[in-house]
Every structure is written in structure tokens, then in C-alpha cells.
């Protein structure tokens, strides 16, 4: 994919994820937030629920109380990945999608941290910690990057002297 198209595609993916993330969080706050009587909706018994939670830690509630450090780290990692992506002459589709997902998710949670001091989480699956759309996008993006960067075709082509 030509670099200019990849940049546009990654930007559109990031903007879409950011928009959907903020929209779903606003809906959850309106329906299940702190001012509401109900804070939980069971979708599949106790296995899958929508449950309002204020996450003052990192993804999946880890590192509670380190919001400022997490915000700075999130910005730094996102910028590093974006710089790497922008320097790629013809990024493959998997790279474009991964960067868009990571950037959109990171920005979505950063908006919450800066605006609220915490991240709104609302998806609860089994005993897994609550998460949101932004967390899912970052996780999928990171997994996609790991897959793409460790593919045998990448490993052999990067070993060929230039």
C-alpha cells in the first residue's frame, strides 16, 4: 500500500475507533454511570455483562493510581509507533490496521484520563477484569503487530543485507 494511502487508512481507523470508543462510554455513563440506580446489565448470565467501572490504572485495571505515569507512557509509546509507521515506505495492510487500532485506542483512553482522571470500562467477561472498546483495539493492534513482525517472511527479508 502506498505510504499516503496507508496514512489515510490508519488515520480513518484511529478516528473511527476513537469515535466509537467515546460514544460507547457516553452511552454507558448515561445508562449505568454513577448517577444511575443500575450499574450492571447481564447479557449472558454472569459470564457477559455491561458494568460501569472507573479504571484508575492501566489496561484491565493494572497499576492502579499511576494515571499520570500511564498517560505519559501511553503518549510516548503511541508517538514512537507512529514515527516508525510514518518512516515505513510501503507499510503492509496489517501494519496500517495495527497502527490505526493502537493509536485510536490509546487516544480514546487518554481522552478519558485527561478529561475525567480515570478511564471508563464497561465490558465484563467472566472473571476477566473490565475493559472497553479502546482496550480491545490496543490489544488487537499489538497482537497484529506481533504477528506481522514475527512472520517468517518478515524475519528472512530483514536478514538479507541491503
Protein backbone atom coordinates (compact mmCIF):
# COMPACT_ATOMS: atom_id res chain seq x y z
CA UNK A 1 0.00 0.00 0.00
CA UNK A 2 1.48 3.40 -0.91
CA UNK A 3 2.51 5.46 2.12
CA UNK A 4 -0.07 8.24 1.60
CA UNK A 5 -2.93 5.74 1.39
CA UNK A 6 -1.65 3.86 4.42
CA UNK A 7 -1.50 7.09 6.43
CA UNK A 8 -5.03 7.99 5.41
CA UNK A 9 -6.31 4.49 6.21
CA UNK A 10 -4.58 4.43 9.61
CA UNK A 11 -5.99 7.87 10.40
CA UNK A 12 -9.52 6.79 9.46
CA UNK A 13 -9.22 3.62 11.55
CA UNK A 14 -7.91 5.60 14.53
CA UNK A 15 -10.63 8.25 14.21
CA UNK A 16 -13.35 5.58 13.91
CA UNK A 17 -12.12 3.72 16.97
CA UNK A 18 -11.82 6.96 18.94
CA UNK A 19 -15.36 7.99 17.94
CA UNK A 20 -16.94 4.62 18.73
CA UNK A 21 -14.99 4.35 21.98
CA UNK A 22 -16.13 7.75 23.24
CA UNK A 23 -19.70 7.12 22.05
CA UNK A 24 -19.97 3.75 23.83
CA UNK A 25 -18.51 5.22 27.02
CA UNK A 26 -21.00 8.12 26.93
CA UNK A 27 -23.88 5.67 26.49
CA UNK A 28 -22.65 3.51 29.37
CA UNK A 29 -22.25 6.53 31.66
CA UNK A 30 -25.80 7.67 30.76
CA UNK A 31 -27.29 4.23 31.40
CA UNK A 32 -25.09 2.71 34.12
CA UNK A 33 -22.92 5.57 35.41
CA UNK A 34 -22.54 6.80 38.97
CA UNK A 35 -25.72 8.87 38.83
CA UNK A 36 -27.83 5.87 37.79
CA UNK A 37 -29.56 3.31 40.01
CA UNK A 38 -28.34 0.34 37.98
CA UNK A 39 -24.62 -0.20 37.37
CA UNK A 40 -24.83 -3.61 35.69
CA UNK A 41 -26.73 -5.27 32.84
CA UNK A 42 -26.39 -9.03 32.45
CA UNK A 43 -26.22 -10.11 28.82
CA UNK A 44 -25.31 -13.78 29.29
CA UNK A 45 -25.90 -14.65 32.95
CA UNK A 46 -22.80 -13.80 34.98
CA UNK A 47 -20.48 -14.59 32.07
CA UNK A 48 -21.02 -11.45 29.95
CA UNK A 49 -22.20 -8.18 31.46
CA UNK A 50 -22.10 -4.46 30.88
CA UNK A 51 -20.87 -2.94 34.12
CA UNK A 52 -19.76 0.65 34.73
CA UNK A 53 -16.29 0.89 36.29
CA UNK A 54 -13.80 3.71 36.82
CA UNK A 55 -10.34 2.41 35.94
CA UNK A 56 -7.59 4.50 37.51
CA UNK A 57 -4.91 2.04 36.36
CA UNK A 58 -3.76 0.66 33.03
CA UNK A 59 -5.41 -1.78 30.67
CA UNK A 60 -7.59 -4.30 32.54
CA UNK A 61 -7.19 -2.30 35.78
CA UNK A 62 -3.48 -2.99 36.31
CA UNK A 63 -1.22 -0.43 38.06
CA UNK A 64 -3.97 1.42 39.95
CA UNK A 65 -3.19 5.01 40.96
CA UNK A 66 -0.49 5.67 38.35
CA UNK A 67 -2.64 7.71 35.95
CA UNK A 68 -0.07 10.44 35.21
CA UNK A 69 2.74 7.99 34.51
CA UNK A 70 0.40 5.88 32.38
CA UNK A 71 -0.73 8.89 30.37
CA UNK A 72 2.86 9.94 29.63
CA UNK A 73 3.86 6.36 28.78
CA UNK A 74 0.85 5.97 26.51
CA UNK A 75 1.71 9.17 24.66
CA UNK A 76 5.38 8.18 24.29
CA UNK A 77 4.67 4.67 23.01
CA UNK A 78 2.00 5.91 20.60
CA UNK A 79 4.32 8.59 19.22
CA UNK A 80 7.15 6.05 18.80
CA UNK A 81 4.88 3.66 16.90
CA UNK A 82 3.54 6.49 14.73
CA UNK A 83 7.06 7.71 13.90
CA UNK A 84 8.09 4.17 12.96
CA UNK A 85 4.96 3.82 10.81
CA UNK A 86 5.49 7.18 9.08
CA UNK A 87 9.05 6.19 8.20
CA UNK A 88 7.87 2.98 6.53
CA UNK A 89 7.91 3.46 2.75
CA UNK A 90 5.17 0.97 1.83
CA UNK A 91 3.58 -0.38 5.02
CA UNK A 92 1.66 -3.63 4.61
CA UNK A 93 -2.06 -3.67 5.39
CA UNK A 94 -1.60 -5.46 8.73
CA UNK A 95 0.80 -2.70 9.86
CA UNK A 96 -1.64 0.03 8.81
CA UNK A 97 -4.57 -1.59 10.64
CA UNK A 98 -2.49 -2.27 13.75
CA UNK A 99 -1.20 1.31 14.00
CA UNK A 100 -4.69 2.73 13.46
CA UNK A 101 -6.13 0.45 16.15
CA UNK A 102 -3.39 1.19 18.68
CA UNK A 103 -3.50 4.95 18.06
CA UNK A 104 -7.31 5.12 18.21
CA UNK A 105 -7.46 3.06 21.39
CA UNK A 106 -4.62 4.89 23.11
CA UNK A 107 -6.12 8.28 22.28
CA UNK A 108 -9.57 7.11 23.42
CA UNK A 109 -8.30 6.15 26.86
CA UNK A 110 -6.06 9.22 27.03
CA UNK A 111 -9.09 11.46 26.43
CA UNK A 112 -10.76 9.82 29.44
CA UNK A 113 -7.66 10.20 31.64
CA UNK A 114 -7.23 13.86 30.78
CA UNK A 115 -10.94 14.71 31.00
CA UNK A 116 -12.02 12.53 33.94
CA UNK A 117 -8.86 11.37 35.72
CA UNK A 118 -9.83 7.74 35.02
CA UNK A 119 -10.91 5.51 32.15
CA UNK A 120 -14.50 4.30 31.82
CA UNK A 121 -14.57 0.50 31.49
CA UNK A 122 -17.77 -1.43 30.97
CA UNK A 123 -17.34 -4.86 29.36
CA UNK A 124 -17.11 -7.70 31.85
CA UNK A 125 -16.37 -11.23 30.61
CA UNK A 126 -16.25 -13.95 33.25
CA UNK A 127 -13.58 -13.25 35.84
CA UNK A 128 -11.56 -11.13 33.39
CA UNK A 129 -11.11 -7.50 34.51
CA UNK A 130 -13.48 -4.95 32.97
CA UNK A 131 -12.37 -3.31 29.73
CA UNK A 132 -13.66 -1.07 26.94
CA UNK A 133 -13.51 -0.68 23.17
CA UNK A 134 -10.21 1.25 23.33
CA UNK A 135 -8.57 -1.52 25.37
CA UNK A 136 -9.76 -4.08 22.82
CA UNK A 137 -8.42 -2.01 19.91
CA UNK A 138 -5.00 -1.61 21.55
CA UNK A 139 -4.83 -5.33 22.37
CA UNK A 140 -5.81 -6.37 18.84
CA UNK A 141 -3.37 -3.85 17.36
CA UNK A 142 -0.48 -5.09 19.50
CA UNK A 143 -1.27 -8.72 18.65
CA UNK A 144 -1.43 -7.82 14.96
CA UNK A 145 1.95 -6.05 15.18
CA UNK A 146 3.48 -9.03 16.98
CA UNK A 147 2.10 -11.39 14.34
CA UNK A 148 3.27 -9.23 11.45
CA UNK A 149 6.73 -8.56 12.83
CA UNK A 150 7.38 -12.23 13.62
CA UNK A 151 6.10 -13.74 10.36
CA UNK A 152 8.75 -15.87 8.66
CA UNK A 153 8.62 -13.71 5.51
CA UNK A 154 9.49 -10.65 7.60
CA UNK A 155 12.22 -12.44 9.53
CA UNK A 156 14.02 -13.68 6.42
CA UNK A 157 13.64 -10.47 4.46
CA UNK A 158 15.02 -8.40 7.33
CA UNK A 159 18.07 -10.67 7.50
CA UNK A 160 19.02 -10.08 3.86
CA UNK A 161 21.79 -7.46 3.66
CA UNK A 162 20.78 -4.27 1.91
